[in-house]
């Protein structure tokens, strides 16, 4: 399968196939069958984010002991790991400096 360029926006939770569609943060080069993995993770991230939103309205439930927060964090780590795998050297170096990157290598 041929490789294509895609443009990832973590802030918008979107994958763009053209650089002019919208602002993006990372450019990747990957097989076309990898793109749905990003979209699935963004979809899951949205739902985990909604779970944490509703949990925030329960005053007796501690933030630090919430499974939804861990799931949300794991999705973010997986997204950064995928971006790291398919991006250029500059993006890889930036991601490697993130505090959680070394932890996520074991996911």
N, C-alpha and C. Protein backbone atom coordinates (compact mmCIF):
# COMPACT_ATOMS: atom_id res chain seq x y z
N UNK A 1 0.85 -1.17 0.00
CA UNK A 1 0.00 0.00 0.00
C UNK A 1 0.89 1.24 0.00
N UNK A 2 0.48 2.25 -0.71
CA UNK A 2 1.29 3.46 -0.82
C UNK A 2 1.13 4.33 0.42
N UNK A 3 2.15 5.11 0.66
CA UNK A 3 2.13 6.03 1.79
C UNK A 3 1.58 7.38 1.35
N UNK A 4 0.86 8.01 2.26
CA UNK A 4 0.30 9.34 1.98
C UNK A 4 0.69 10.27 3.11
N UNK A 5 0.60 11.55 2.83
CA UNK A 5 0.80 12.54 3.88
C UNK A 5 -0.56 12.89 4.47
N UNK A 6 -0.55 13.05 5.78
CA UNK A 6 -1.76 13.47 6.48
C UNK A 6 -1.35 14.50 7.52
N UNK A 7 -2.29 15.29 7.94
CA UNK A 7 -2.02 16.40 8.83
C UNK A 7 -2.91 16.23 10.06
N UNK A 8 -2.28 16.13 11.22
CA UNK A 8 -2.98 15.80 12.45
C UNK A 8 -3.16 17.06 13.29
N UNK A 9 -4.38 17.27 13.73
CA UNK A 9 -4.68 18.36 14.65
C UNK A 9 -5.20 17.76 15.94
N UNK A 10 -4.36 17.78 16.97
CA UNK A 10 -4.81 17.28 18.27
C UNK A 10 -5.82 18.24 18.90
N UNK A 11 -5.66 19.52 18.66
CA UNK A 11 -6.58 20.49 19.26
C UNK A 11 -7.99 20.37 18.67
N UNK A 12 -8.08 20.04 17.38
CA UNK A 12 -9.38 19.86 16.73
C UNK A 12 -9.82 18.40 16.69
N UNK A 13 -8.91 17.50 17.07
CA UNK A 13 -9.17 16.06 17.03
C UNK A 13 -9.59 15.61 15.64
N UNK A 14 -8.77 16.00 14.66
CA UNK A 14 -9.08 15.69 13.27
C UNK A 14 -7.84 15.28 12.51
N UNK A 15 -8.07 14.54 11.44
CA UNK A 15 -7.02 14.18 10.49
C UNK A 15 -7.40 14.83 9.17
N UNK A 16 -6.47 15.57 8.61
CA UNK A 16 -6.71 16.23 7.34
C UNK A 16 -5.81 15.64 6.27
N UNK A 17 -6.35 15.50 5.08
CA UNK A 17 -5.54 14.97 3.99
C UNK A 17 -4.89 16.06 3.16
N UNK A 18 -5.33 17.30 3.38
CA UNK A 18 -4.75 18.44 2.66
C UNK A 18 -4.30 19.48 3.68
N UNK A 19 -3.13 20.06 3.48
CA UNK A 19 -2.62 21.01 4.49
C UNK A 19 -3.42 22.30 4.59
N UNK A 20 -4.21 22.61 3.57
CA UNK A 20 -4.97 23.87 3.57
C UNK A 20 -6.34 23.76 4.21
N UNK A 21 -6.75 22.56 4.60
CA UNK A 21 -8.11 22.37 5.12
C UNK A 21 -8.35 23.14 6.41
N UNK A 22 -7.37 23.09 7.30
CA UNK A 22 -7.53 23.70 8.61
C UNK A 22 -6.16 23.73 9.28
N UNK A 23 -6.00 24.50 10.32
CA UNK A 23 -4.72 24.47 11.04
C UNK A 23 -4.45 23.07 11.62
N UNK A 24 -3.21 22.66 11.61
CA UNK A 24 -2.81 21.36 12.12
C UNK A 24 -1.49 21.49 12.84
N UNK A 25 -1.15 20.49 13.66
CA UNK A 25 0.08 20.54 14.45
C UNK A 25 1.17 19.60 13.93
N UNK A 26 0.78 18.45 13.38
CA UNK A 26 1.77 17.44 12.99
C UNK A 26 1.50 16.93 11.59
N UNK A 27 2.57 16.76 10.84
CA UNK A 27 2.48 16.14 9.52
C UNK A 27 3.04 14.73 9.64
N UNK A 28 2.29 13.76 9.13
CA UNK A 28 2.77 12.39 9.16
C UNK A 28 2.80 11.82 7.75
N UNK A 29 3.58 10.80 7.57
CA UNK A 29 3.60 10.03 6.32
C UNK A 29 3.36 8.58 6.71
N UNK A 30 2.22 8.06 6.28
CA UNK A 30 1.83 6.70 6.69
C UNK A 30 1.00 6.05 5.60
N UNK A 31 0.83 4.74 5.75
CA UNK A 31 -0.06 4.02 4.84
C UNK A 31 -1.49 4.51 5.06
N UNK A 32 -2.28 4.38 4.04
CA UNK A 32 -3.65 4.88 4.12
C UNK A 32 -4.48 4.13 5.16
N UNK A 33 -4.12 2.89 5.46
CA UNK A 33 -4.90 2.14 6.44
C UNK A 33 -4.60 2.55 7.88
N UNK A 34 -3.62 3.43 8.10
CA UNK A 34 -3.31 3.95 9.43
C UNK A 34 -4.24 5.11 9.81
N UNK A 35 -4.73 5.83 8.84
CA UNK A 35 -5.56 7.01 9.09
C UNK A 35 -6.80 6.68 9.92
N UNK A 36 -7.51 5.58 9.63
CA UNK A 36 -8.67 5.26 10.48
C UNK A 36 -8.31 4.98 11.94
N UNK A 37 -7.08 4.58 12.22
CA UNK A 37 -6.65 4.38 13.60
C UNK A 37 -6.67 5.71 14.34
N UNK A 38 -6.16 6.75 13.70
CA UNK A 38 -6.21 8.09 14.29
C UNK A 38 -7.65 8.53 14.52
N UNK A 39 -8.50 8.31 13.52
CA UNK A 39 -9.90 8.73 13.65
C UNK A 39 -10.60 7.98 14.76
N UNK A 40 -10.30 6.70 14.91
CA UNK A 40 -10.90 5.91 16.00
C UNK A 40 -10.44 6.42 17.35
N UNK A 41 -9.16 6.73 17.48
CA UNK A 41 -8.65 7.26 18.74
C UNK A 41 -9.27 8.62 19.06
N UNK A 42 -9.46 9.46 18.05
CA UNK A 42 -10.11 10.75 18.28
C UNK A 42 -11.57 10.55 18.72
N UNK A 43 -12.24 9.61 18.11
CA UNK A 43 -13.63 9.30 18.49
C UNK A 43 -13.68 8.83 19.95
N UNK A 44 -12.79 7.91 20.30
CA UNK A 44 -12.73 7.42 21.68
C UNK A 44 -12.38 8.54 22.65
N UNK A 45 -11.46 9.40 22.23
CA UNK A 45 -11.05 10.52 23.07
C UNK A 45 -12.23 11.44 23.38
N UNK A 46 -13.05 11.69 22.38
CA UNK A 46 -14.23 12.53 22.59
C UNK A 46 -15.14 11.92 23.66
N UNK A 47 -15.38 10.63 23.57
CA UNK A 47 -16.28 9.99 24.54
C UNK A 47 -15.66 9.93 25.93
N UNK A 48 -14.36 9.71 26.01
CA UNK A 48 -13.71 9.72 27.32
C UNK A 48 -13.74 11.12 27.92
N UNK A 49 -13.61 12.12 27.06
CA UNK A 49 -13.68 13.50 27.53
C UNK A 49 -15.06 13.82 28.09
N UNK A 50 -16.10 13.33 27.44
CA UNK A 50 -17.45 13.55 27.95
C UNK A 50 -17.65 12.84 29.29
N UNK A 51 -17.07 11.66 29.44
CA UNK A 51 -17.17 10.95 30.72
C UNK A 51 -16.51 11.75 31.84
N UNK A 52 -15.35 12.33 31.55
CA UNK A 52 -14.67 13.11 32.58
C UNK A 52 -15.44 14.39 32.88
N UNK A 53 -16.10 14.94 31.88
CA UNK A 53 -16.93 16.13 32.10
C UNK A 53 -18.05 15.83 33.09
N UNK A 54 -18.75 14.73 32.88
CA UNK A 54 -19.85 14.39 33.78
C UNK A 54 -19.34 14.01 35.17
N UNK A 55 -18.18 13.37 35.23
CA UNK A 55 -17.61 13.00 36.51
C UNK A 55 -17.24 14.24 37.31
N UNK A 56 -16.86 15.28 36.65
CA UNK A 56 -16.48 16.51 37.34
C UNK A 56 -17.64 17.12 38.12
N UNK A 57 -18.84 16.73 37.80
CA UNK A 57 -20.02 17.26 38.49
C UNK A 57 -20.44 16.42 39.70
N UNK A 58 -19.66 15.40 39.99
CA UNK A 58 -19.93 14.57 41.17
C UNK A 58 -18.92 14.97 42.24
N UNK A 59 -19.33 15.73 43.24
CA UNK A 59 -18.37 16.31 44.18
C UNK A 59 -17.65 15.29 45.08
N UNK A 60 -18.24 14.13 45.31
CA UNK A 60 -17.60 13.19 46.23
C UNK A 60 -16.63 12.24 45.55
N UNK A 61 -16.56 12.26 44.23
CA UNK A 61 -15.66 11.36 43.51
C UNK A 61 -14.34 12.09 43.24
N UNK A 62 -13.26 11.51 43.72
CA UNK A 62 -11.95 12.15 43.57
C UNK A 62 -11.43 12.04 42.14
N UNK A 63 -10.84 13.11 41.68
CA UNK A 63 -10.27 13.15 40.33
C UNK A 63 -9.16 12.11 40.18
N UNK A 64 -8.34 11.96 41.21
CA UNK A 64 -7.17 11.10 41.11
C UNK A 64 -7.53 9.62 41.07
N UNK A 65 -8.74 9.25 41.45
CA UNK A 65 -9.15 7.85 41.46
C UNK A 65 -10.20 7.56 40.40
N UNK A 66 -10.18 8.27 39.31
CA UNK A 66 -11.21 8.13 38.30
C UNK A 66 -10.68 7.38 37.09
N UNK A 67 -11.33 6.28 36.76
CA UNK A 67 -10.93 5.46 35.62
C UNK A 67 -11.05 6.22 34.30
N UNK A 68 -12.05 7.08 34.16
CA UNK A 68 -12.23 7.84 32.91
C UNK A 68 -11.03 8.73 32.62
N UNK A 69 -10.46 9.32 33.65
CA UNK A 69 -9.28 10.17 33.45
C UNK A 69 -8.10 9.35 32.95
N UNK A 70 -7.93 8.17 33.51
CA UNK A 70 -6.83 7.30 33.06
C UNK A 70 -7.04 6.88 31.60
N UNK A 71 -8.26 6.56 31.24
CA UNK A 71 -8.55 6.18 29.87
C UNK A 71 -8.30 7.34 28.90
N UNK A 72 -8.69 8.52 29.29
CA UNK A 72 -8.45 9.71 28.48
C UNK A 72 -6.94 9.92 28.29
N UNK A 73 -6.19 9.83 29.38
CA UNK A 73 -4.73 9.99 29.31
C UNK A 73 -4.09 8.93 28.44
N UNK A 74 -4.58 7.70 28.52
CA UNK A 74 -4.03 6.63 27.69
C UNK A 74 -4.27 6.88 26.21
N UNK A 75 -5.43 7.42 25.87
CA UNK A 75 -5.70 7.73 24.45
C UNK A 75 -4.76 8.83 23.95
N UNK A 76 -4.53 9.84 24.77
CA UNK A 76 -3.60 10.90 24.39
C UNK A 76 -2.21 10.32 24.17
N UNK A 77 -1.76 9.47 25.06
CA UNK A 77 -0.44 8.85 24.94
C UNK A 77 -0.35 8.00 23.67
N UNK A 78 -1.40 7.28 23.35
CA UNK A 78 -1.40 6.46 22.14
C UNK A 78 -1.35 7.34 20.90
N UNK A 79 -2.06 8.46 20.92
CA UNK A 79 -2.01 9.38 19.78
C UNK A 79 -0.60 9.93 19.58
N UNK A 80 0.04 10.35 20.66
CA UNK A 80 1.40 10.85 20.55
C UNK A 80 2.37 9.76 20.09
N UNK A 81 2.16 8.53 20.54
CA UNK A 81 3.02 7.43 20.11
C UNK A 81 2.86 7.18 18.61
N UNK A 82 1.63 7.23 18.11
CA UNK A 82 1.41 7.06 16.67
C UNK A 82 2.02 8.22 15.87
N UNK A 83 1.82 9.41 16.35
CA UNK A 83 2.40 10.57 15.67
C UNK A 83 3.92 10.44 15.65
N UNK A 84 4.48 10.03 16.77
CA UNK A 84 5.93 9.86 16.86
C UNK A 84 6.42 8.85 15.83
N UNK A 85 5.68 7.78 15.67
CA UNK A 85 6.09 6.71 14.74
C UNK A 85 6.09 7.16 13.28
N UNK A 86 5.16 8.03 12.90
CA UNK A 86 5.00 8.38 11.50
C UNK A 86 5.39 9.81 11.14
N UNK A 87 5.92 10.56 12.08
CA UNK A 87 6.25 11.97 11.80
C UNK A 87 7.73 12.15 11.46
N UNK A 88 8.09 13.40 11.21
CA UNK A 88 9.48 13.71 10.87
C UNK A 88 10.34 13.81 12.13
N UNK A 89 11.63 13.98 11.94
CA UNK A 89 12.59 13.99 13.06
C UNK A 89 12.32 15.11 14.06
N UNK A 90 11.97 16.30 13.58
CA UNK A 90 11.72 17.42 14.49
C UNK A 90 10.53 17.12 15.42
N UNK A 91 9.47 16.59 14.85
CA UNK A 91 8.30 16.25 15.67
C UNK A 91 8.63 15.12 16.63
N UNK A 92 9.39 14.15 16.17
CA UNK A 92 9.79 13.05 17.04
C UNK A 92 10.60 13.55 18.23
N UNK A 93 11.54 14.45 17.97
CA UNK A 93 12.35 14.99 19.05
C UNK A 93 11.50 15.76 20.05
N UNK A 94 10.53 16.52 19.55
CA UNK A 94 9.64 17.27 20.44
C UNK A 94 8.83 16.31 21.32
N UNK A 95 8.26 15.29 20.71
CA UNK A 95 7.42 14.34 21.45
C UNK A 95 8.26 13.58 22.47
N UNK A 96 9.48 13.26 22.14
CA UNK A 96 10.35 12.54 23.08
C UNK A 96 10.65 13.38 24.32
N UNK A 97 10.53 14.67 24.23
CA UNK A 97 10.78 15.53 25.39
C UNK A 97 9.56 15.71 26.28
N UNK A 98 8.41 15.23 25.84
CA UNK A 98 7.21 15.33 26.67
C UNK A 98 7.36 14.43 27.89
N UNK A 99 6.90 14.89 29.05
CA UNK A 99 7.15 14.14 30.29
C UNK A 99 6.54 12.74 30.32
N UNK A 100 5.45 12.53 29.62
CA UNK A 100 4.80 11.22 29.68
C UNK A 100 5.24 10.27 28.58
N UNK A 101 6.10 10.73 27.68
CA UNK A 101 6.43 9.89 26.52
C UNK A 101 7.15 8.61 26.92
N UNK A 102 8.10 8.70 27.80
CA UNK A 102 8.84 7.50 28.21
C UNK A 102 7.93 6.48 28.90
N UNK A 103 6.95 6.96 29.64
CA UNK A 103 5.99 6.06 30.29
C UNK A 103 5.15 5.34 29.26
N UNK A 104 4.74 6.05 28.21
CA UNK A 104 3.81 5.48 27.24
C UNK A 104 4.45 4.45 26.33
N UNK A 105 5.74 4.33 26.33
CA UNK A 105 6.39 3.34 25.48
C UNK A 105 6.05 1.92 25.91
N UNK A 106 5.52 1.77 27.12
CA UNK A 106 5.16 0.46 27.63
C UNK A 106 3.70 0.12 27.44
N UNK A 107 2.93 1.00 26.80
CA UNK A 107 1.50 0.73 26.60
C UNK A 107 1.28 -0.30 25.54
